[in-house]
């Protein structure tokens, strides 16, 4: 028995922290800094979190217990666990910045495509609905594989529901507006896909 419910939607989890980081690092000023300075200060942020889906996954676990090949009982458990799928951009790699235009106020920034950064199962969120134990108790290590399967299942579901696409839109919004605030008149945000054999190119 498995049931997945989206309890949350995309959030701008990194917007405030990014803005504060840029202000603190001195990026927001006039006239704008050169491309190497912008690149170094953006990379200091390391990770831009731009999307998050939250799930409540109900998981059923059962396992037969045997002694000398003889079935001695069945262990069963039904529990719910909160799964959080977080997406964003790793800014420490594949980041390029170029400037041009009148007075150097046009900027081209290329960043990696958004990716799933982490999938977390919140242990403190686990609600146990029922448990039926054999001659020994059920340890959480017994259901570790089920929890990992739930994480994988929900990550796939989040991507299929557009987590990365929405994260991309939000990342572009954040970067574009922060660079406007940094004194640039024209901002071009481009995304570099993950390397593929025989592939390549930019989006944006």
C-alpha atoms as a PDB file:
ATOM      1  CA  UNK A   1       0.000   0.000   0.000  1.00  0.00           C
ATOM      2  CA  UNK A   2       1.589   3.232  -1.107  1.00  0.00           C
ATOM      3  CA  UNK A   3       0.139   6.692  -1.277  1.00  0.00           C
ATOM      4  CA  UNK A   4       1.870   9.933  -2.168  1.00  0.00           C
ATOM      5  CA  UNK A   5       0.497  13.382  -1.467  1.00  0.00           C
ATOM      6  CA  UNK A   6       2.206  16.611  -2.440  1.00  0.00           C
ATOM      7  CA  UNK A   7       1.974  18.805   0.641  1.00  0.00           C
ATOM      8  CA  UNK A   8       4.034  21.693  -0.686  1.00  0.00           C
ATOM      9  CA  UNK A   9       5.000  23.423  -3.921  1.00  0.00           C
ATOM     10  CA  UNK A  10       7.977  25.283  -5.337  1.00  0.00           C
ATOM     11  CA  UNK A  11       9.390  27.892  -2.992  1.00  0.00           C
ATOM     12  CA  UNK A  12      12.066  30.521  -3.356  1.00  0.00           C
ATOM     13  CA  UNK A  13      14.049  28.946  -0.557  1.00  0.00           C
ATOM     14  CA  UNK A  14      17.310  30.624  -1.540  1.00  0.00           C
ATOM     15  CA  UNK A  15      16.111  34.066  -2.624  1.00  0.00           C
ATOM     16  CA  UNK A  16      16.551  35.920   0.648  1.00  0.00           C
ATOM     17  CA  UNK A  17      19.817  34.201   1.557  1.00  0.00           C
ATOM     18  CA  UNK A  18      21.252  34.898  -1.905  1.00  0.00           C
ATOM     19  CA  UNK A  19      20.312  38.570  -1.760  1.00  0.00           C
ATOM     20  CA  UNK A  20      21.822  38.944   1.704  1.00  0.00           C
ATOM     21  CA  UNK A  21      24.953  37.113   0.571  1.00  0.00           C
ATOM     22  CA  UNK A  22      25.419  39.338  -2.446  1.00  0.00           C
ATOM     23  CA  UNK A  23      24.888  42.501  -0.438  1.00  0.00           C
ATOM     24  CA  UNK A  24      27.291  41.306   2.235  1.00  0.00           C
ATOM     25  CA  UNK A  25      29.934  40.430  -0.360  1.00  0.00           C
ATOM     26  CA  UNK A  26      29.690  43.871  -1.941  1.00  0.00           C
ATOM     27  CA  UNK A  27      28.281  42.821  -5.317  1.00  0.00           C
ATOM     28  CA  UNK A  28      25.346  45.239  -5.266  1.00  0.00           C
ATOM     29  CA  UNK A  29      26.950  48.561  -6.128  1.00  0.00           C
ATOM     30  CA  UNK A  30      27.275  51.048  -8.972  1.00  0.00           C
ATOM     31  CA  UNK A  31      29.057  50.998 -11.374  1.00  0.00           C
ATOM     32  CA  UNK A  32      28.963  47.191 -11.793  1.00  0.00           C
ATOM     33  CA  UNK A  33      32.017  45.074 -11.143  1.00  0.00           C
ATOM     34  CA  UNK A  34      33.860  43.242 -13.883  1.00  0.00           C
ATOM     35  CA  UNK A  35      33.034  39.652 -14.895  1.00  0.00           C
ATOM     36  CA  UNK A  36      35.741  37.968 -12.808  1.00  0.00           C
ATOM     37  CA  UNK A  37      34.624  39.766  -9.666  1.00  0.00           C
ATOM     38  CA  UNK A  38      30.964  38.886 -10.334  1.00  0.00           C
ATOM     39  CA  UNK A  39      31.875  35.266 -11.024  1.00  0.00           C
ATOM     40  CA  UNK A  40      33.926  34.950  -7.824  1.00  0.00           C
ATOM     41  CA  UNK A  41      31.234  36.495  -5.642  1.00  0.00           C
ATOM     42  CA  UNK A  42      28.413  34.441  -7.149  1.00  0.00           C
ATOM     43  CA  UNK A  43      30.482  31.274  -6.664  1.00  0.00           C
ATOM     44  CA  UNK A  44      30.893  32.153  -2.993  1.00  0.00           C
ATOM     45  CA  UNK A  45      27.191  31.394  -2.617  1.00  0.00           C
ATOM     46  CA  UNK A  46      27.957  27.774  -3.622  1.00  0.00           C
ATOM     47  CA  UNK A  47      24.351  26.598  -3.940  1.00  0.00           C
ATOM     48  CA  UNK A  48      21.199  28.356  -5.109  1.00  0.00           C
ATOM     49  CA  UNK A  49      18.111  26.503  -3.851  1.00  0.00           C
ATOM     50  CA  UNK A  50      15.120  27.400  -6.022  1.00  0.00           C
ATOM     51  CA  UNK A  51      12.627  24.574  -5.603  1.00  0.00           C
ATOM     52  CA  UNK A  52      11.254  22.121  -3.104  1.00  0.00           C
ATOM     53  CA  UNK A  53       8.477  19.526  -3.115  1.00  0.00           C
ATOM     54  CA  UNK A  54       7.262  18.015   0.131  1.00  0.00           C
ATOM     55  CA  UNK A  55       5.596  14.586   0.277  1.00  0.00           C
ATOM     56  CA  UNK A  56       3.885  12.473   2.870  1.00  0.00           C
ATOM     57  CA  UNK A  57       4.488   8.882   1.830  1.00  0.00           C
ATOM     58  CA  UNK A  58       2.580   6.007   3.422  1.00  0.00           C
ATOM     59  CA  UNK A  59       4.632   2.809   3.331  1.00  0.00           C
ATOM     60  CA  UNK A  60       3.696  -0.790   4.078  1.00  0.00           C
ATOM     61  CA  UNK A  61       6.448  -3.186   5.138  1.00  0.00           C
ATOM     62  CA  UNK A  62       6.132  -6.919   5.631  1.00  0.00           C
ATOM     63  CA  UNK A  63       8.622  -9.692   6.102  1.00  0.00           C
ATOM     64  CA  UNK A  64       8.352 -13.369   6.946  1.00  0.00           C
ATOM     65  CA  UNK A  65      10.504 -14.715   9.739  1.00  0.00           C
ATOM     66  CA  UNK A  66      11.863 -18.241   9.459  1.00  0.00           C
ATOM     67  CA  UNK A  67      13.863 -20.524  11.723  1.00  0.00           C
ATOM     68  CA  UNK A  68      15.630 -23.473  10.077  1.00  0.00           C
ATOM     69  CA  UNK A  69      13.507 -22.858   7.008  1.00  0.00           C
ATOM     70  CA  UNK A  70      10.265 -23.063   8.952  1.00  0.00           C
ATOM     71  CA  UNK A  71       7.970 -20.041   8.829  1.00  0.00           C
ATOM     72  CA  UNK A  72       7.548 -18.753  12.371  1.00  0.00           C
ATOM     73  CA  UNK A  73       5.660 -15.542  11.775  1.00  0.00           C
ATOM     74  CA  UNK A  74       5.207 -12.353   9.813  1.00  0.00           C
ATOM     75  CA  UNK A  75       6.366  -8.887  10.698  1.00  0.00           C
ATOM     76  CA  UNK A  76       4.270  -6.013   9.362  1.00  0.00           C
ATOM     77  CA  UNK A  77       4.330  -2.265   9.699  1.00  0.00           C
ATOM     78  CA  UNK A  78       2.385   0.607   8.176  1.00  0.00           C
ATOM     79  CA  UNK A  79       3.949   4.015   8.640  1.00  0.00           C
ATOM     80  CA  UNK A  80       4.067   7.484   7.090  1.00  0.00           C
ATOM     81  CA  UNK A  81       7.204   9.533   6.531  1.00  0.00           C
ATOM     82  CA  UNK A  82       7.834  13.035   5.239  1.00  0.00           C
ATOM     83  CA  UNK A  83      10.029  13.184   2.139  1.00  0.00           C
ATOM     84  CA  UNK A  84      11.495  16.490   0.916  1.00  0.00           C
ATOM     85  CA  UNK A  85      12.910  16.777  -2.616  1.00  0.00           C
ATOM     86  CA  UNK A  86      15.087  19.873  -3.033  1.00  0.00           C
ATOM     87  CA  UNK A  87      16.320  21.267  -6.353  1.00  0.00           C
ATOM     88  CA  UNK A  88      18.621  24.085  -7.364  1.00  0.00           C
ATOM     89  CA  UNK A  89      21.955  25.000  -8.911  1.00  0.00           C
ATOM     90  CA  UNK A  90      25.495  24.264  -7.804  1.00  0.00           C
ATOM     91  CA  UNK A  91      27.230  27.573  -8.491  1.00  0.00           C
ATOM     92  CA  UNK A  92      30.739  26.395  -7.755  1.00  0.00           C
ATOM     93  CA  UNK A  93      31.153  24.685 -11.136  1.00  0.00           C
ATOM     94  CA  UNK A  94      30.615  25.507 -14.812  1.00  0.00           C
ATOM     95  CA  UNK A  95      29.869  29.166 -14.126  1.00  0.00           C
ATOM     96  CA  UNK A  96      30.945  31.698 -16.749  1.00  0.00           C
ATOM     97  CA  UNK A  97      30.385  35.453 -16.828  1.00  0.00           C
ATOM     98  CA  UNK A  98      30.929  37.907 -19.698  1.00  0.00           C
ATOM     99  CA  UNK A  99      30.129  41.591 -19.938  1.00  0.00           C
ATOM    100  CA  UNK A 100      29.699  43.938 -22.857  1.00  0.00           C
ATOM    101  CA  UNK A 101      27.489  46.631 -24.231  1.00  0.00           C
ATOM    102  CA  UNK A 102      27.612  50.308 -23.483  1.00  0.00           C
ATOM    103  CA  UNK A 103      29.718  51.071 -20.395  1.00  0.00           C
ATOM    104  CA  UNK A 104      29.925  47.339 -19.715  1.00  0.00           C
ATOM    105  CA  UNK A 105      26.382  47.202 -18.390  1.00  0.00           C
ATOM    106  CA  UNK A 106      25.324  44.108 -20.348  1.00  0.00           C
ATOM    107  CA  UNK A 107      26.112  40.784 -18.718  1.00  0.00           C
ATOM    108  CA  UNK A 108      25.910  37.160 -19.859  1.00  0.00           C
ATOM    109  CA  UNK A 109      25.931  34.562 -17.079  1.00  0.00           C
ATOM    110  CA  UNK A 110      25.971  30.839 -17.783  1.00  0.00           C
ATOM    111  CA  UNK A 111      25.168  28.401 -14.991  1.00  0.00           C
ATOM    112  CA  UNK A 112      24.544  24.639 -14.781  1.00  0.00           C
ATOM    113  CA  UNK A 113      21.022  23.340 -15.297  1.00  0.00           C
ATOM    114  CA  UNK A 114      19.062  22.855 -12.055  1.00  0.00           C
ATOM    115  CA  UNK A 115      19.301  19.407 -10.533  1.00  0.00           C
ATOM    116  CA  UNK A 116      17.944  17.528  -7.568  1.00  0.00           C
ATOM    117  CA  UNK A 117      20.298  18.547  -4.778  1.00  0.00           C
ATOM    118  CA  UNK A 118      19.043  16.196  -2.089  1.00  0.00           C
ATOM    119  CA  UNK A 119      16.167  13.948  -1.069  1.00  0.00           C
ATOM    120  CA  UNK A 120      15.598  13.818   2.665  1.00  0.00           C
ATOM    121  CA  UNK A 121      13.496  11.491   4.784  1.00  0.00           C
ATOM    122  CA  UNK A 122      12.634  13.280   8.019  1.00  0.00           C
ATOM    123  CA  UNK A 123      12.972  10.661  10.750  1.00  0.00           C
ATOM    124  CA  UNK A 124      11.159  12.795  13.336  1.00  0.00           C
ATOM    125  CA  UNK A 125       8.110  12.923  11.034  1.00  0.00           C
ATOM    126  CA  UNK A 126       7.506   9.163  11.066  1.00  0.00           C
ATOM    127  CA  UNK A 127       4.020   8.197  12.215  1.00  0.00           C
ATOM    128  CA  UNK A 128       3.444   4.512  12.916  1.00  0.00           C
ATOM    129  CA  UNK A 129      -0.095   3.349  12.166  1.00  0.00           C
ATOM    130  CA  UNK A 130       0.196  -0.293  13.142  1.00  0.00           C
ATOM    131  CA  UNK A 131       2.849  -2.874  13.822  1.00  0.00           C
ATOM    132  CA  UNK A 132       2.710  -6.657  14.024  1.00  0.00           C
ATOM    133  CA  UNK A 133       5.901  -8.278  15.239  1.00  0.00           C
ATOM    134  CA  UNK A 134       7.111 -11.847  15.255  1.00  0.00           C
ATOM    135  CA  UNK A 135       9.434 -13.285  17.850  1.00  0.00           C
ATOM    136  CA  UNK A 136      11.634 -10.200  17.580  1.00  0.00           C
ATOM    137  CA  UNK A 137      10.883  -6.498  17.368  1.00  0.00           C
ATOM    138  CA  UNK A 138      11.091  -4.463  14.177  1.00  0.00           C
ATOM    139  CA  UNK A 139      14.076  -2.134  14.061  1.00  0.00           C
ATOM    140  CA  UNK A 140      14.160   0.954  11.821  1.00  0.00           C
ATOM    141  CA  UNK A 141      17.115  -0.655  10.081  1.00  0.00           C
ATOM    142  CA  UNK A 142      14.642  -3.273   8.893  1.00  0.00           C
ATOM    143  CA  UNK A 143      12.679  -0.646   6.955  1.00  0.00           C
ATOM    144  CA  UNK A 144      15.687   1.335   5.698  1.00  0.00           C
ATOM    145  CA  UNK A 145      15.322  -0.156   2.225  1.00  0.00           C
ATOM    146  CA  UNK A 146      11.650   0.856   2.127  1.00  0.00           C
ATOM    147  CA  UNK A 147      12.521   4.416   3.080  1.00  0.00           C
ATOM    148  CA  UNK A 148      15.223   4.577   0.406  1.00  0.00           C
ATOM    149  CA  UNK A 149      12.693   3.263  -2.113  1.00  0.00           C
ATOM    150  CA  UNK A 150      10.250   5.979  -1.011  1.00  0.00           C
ATOM    151  CA  UNK A 151      12.935   8.627  -1.535  1.00  0.00           C
ATOM    152  CA  UNK A 152      13.682   7.355  -5.032  1.00  0.00           C
ATOM    153  CA  UNK A 153       9.983   7.089  -5.865  1.00  0.00           C
ATOM    154  CA  UNK A 154       9.238  10.626  -4.757  1.00  0.00           C
ATOM    155  CA  UNK A 155      12.278  12.084  -6.509  1.00  0.00           C
ATOM    156  CA  UNK A 156      11.041  10.559  -9.760  1.00  0.00           C
ATOM    157  CA  UNK A 157       7.547  11.886  -9.121  1.00  0.00           C
ATOM    158  CA  UNK A 158       8.854  15.396  -8.373  1.00  0.00           C
ATOM    159  CA  UNK A 159      10.850  15.529 -11.606  1.00  0.00           C
ATOM    160  CA  UNK A 160       7.867  14.247 -13.595  1.00  0.00           C
ATOM    161  CA  UNK A 161       5.704  16.965 -12.019  1.00  0.00           C
ATOM    162  CA  UNK A 162       8.070  19.663 -13.262  1.00  0.00           C
ATOM    163  CA  UNK A 163      10.274  20.384 -10.254  1.00  0.00           C
ATOM    164  CA  UNK A 164      13.380  21.009 -12.375  1.00  0.00           C
ATOM    165  CA  UNK A 165      11.539  23.089 -14.972  1.00  0.00           C
ATOM    166  CA  UNK A 166      10.036  25.343 -12.321  1.00  0.00           C
ATOM    167  CA  UNK A 167      13.329  25.499 -10.472  1.00  0.00           C
ATOM    168  CA  UNK A 168      14.948  26.699 -13.698  1.00  0.00           C
ATOM    169  CA  UNK A 169      12.393  29.503 -14.119  1.00  0.00           C
ATOM    170  CA  UNK A 170      12.897  30.602 -10.522  1.00  0.00           C
ATOM    171  CA  UNK A 171      16.690  30.457 -10.785  1.00  0.00           C
ATOM    172  CA  UNK A 172      16.593  32.677 -13.872  1.00  0.00           C
ATOM    173  CA  UNK A 173      14.312  35.120 -12.054  1.00  0.00           C
ATOM    174  CA  UNK A 174      16.620  35.286  -9.029  1.00  0.00           C
ATOM    175  CA  UNK A 175      19.842  35.703 -11.029  1.00  0.00           C
ATOM    176  CA  UNK A 176      18.364  38.210 -13.461  1.00  0.00           C
ATOM    177  CA  UNK A 177      16.968  40.482 -10.756  1.00  0.00           C
ATOM    178  CA  UNK A 178      20.034  40.291  -8.554  1.00  0.00           C
ATOM    179  CA  UNK A 179      22.240  41.331 -11.472  1.00  0.00           C
ATOM    180  CA  UNK A 180      19.856  44.151 -12.338  1.00  0.00           C
ATOM    181  CA  UNK A 181      20.218  45.265  -8.734  1.00  0.00           C
ATOM    182  CA  UNK A 182      23.995  45.012  -9.136  1.00  0.00           C
ATOM    183  CA  UNK A 183      23.876  47.771 -11.746  1.00  0.00           C
ATOM    184  CA  UNK A 184      23.537  45.919 -15.073  1.00  0.00           C
ATOM    185  CA  UNK A 185      21.040  47.216 -17.618  1.00  0.00           C
ATOM    186  CA  UNK A 186      20.766  44.012 -19.662  1.00  0.00           C
ATOM    187  CA  UNK A 187      21.059  40.513 -18.185  1.00  0.00           C
ATOM    188  CA  UNK A 188      21.215  37.243 -20.147  1.00  0.00           C
ATOM    189  CA  UNK A 189      20.926  34.027 -18.121  1.00  0.00           C
ATOM    190  CA  UNK A 190      21.890  30.819 -19.902  1.00  0.00           C
ATOM    191  CA  UNK A 191      21.939  27.224 -18.696  1.00  0.00           C
ATOM    192  CA  UNK A 192      24.584  24.654 -19.525  1.00  0.00           C
ATOM    193  CA  UNK A 193      23.159  21.106 -19.681  1.00  0.00           C
ATOM    194  CA  UNK A 194      24.957  18.227 -18.058  1.00  0.00           C
ATOM    195  CA  UNK A 195      27.586  16.798 -20.378  1.00  0.00           C
ATOM    196  CA  UNK A 196      26.346  14.022 -22.639  1.00  0.00           C
ATOM    197  CA  UNK A 197      28.306  11.942 -25.141  1.00  0.00           C
ATOM    198  CA  UNK A 198      28.022  13.691 -28.495  1.00  0.00           C
ATOM    199  CA  UNK A 199      25.848  16.424 -27.001  1.00  0.00           C
ATOM    200  CA  UNK A 200      26.214  19.911 -25.593  1.00  0.00           C
ATOM    201  CA  UNK A 201      25.016  23.410 -26.152  1.00  0.00           C
ATOM    202  CA  UNK A 202      23.313  26.077 -24.126  1.00  0.00           C
ATOM    203  CA  UNK A 203      19.733  26.823 -23.218  1.00  0.00           C
ATOM    204  CA  UNK A 204      18.377  30.239 -22.436  1.00  0.00           C
END
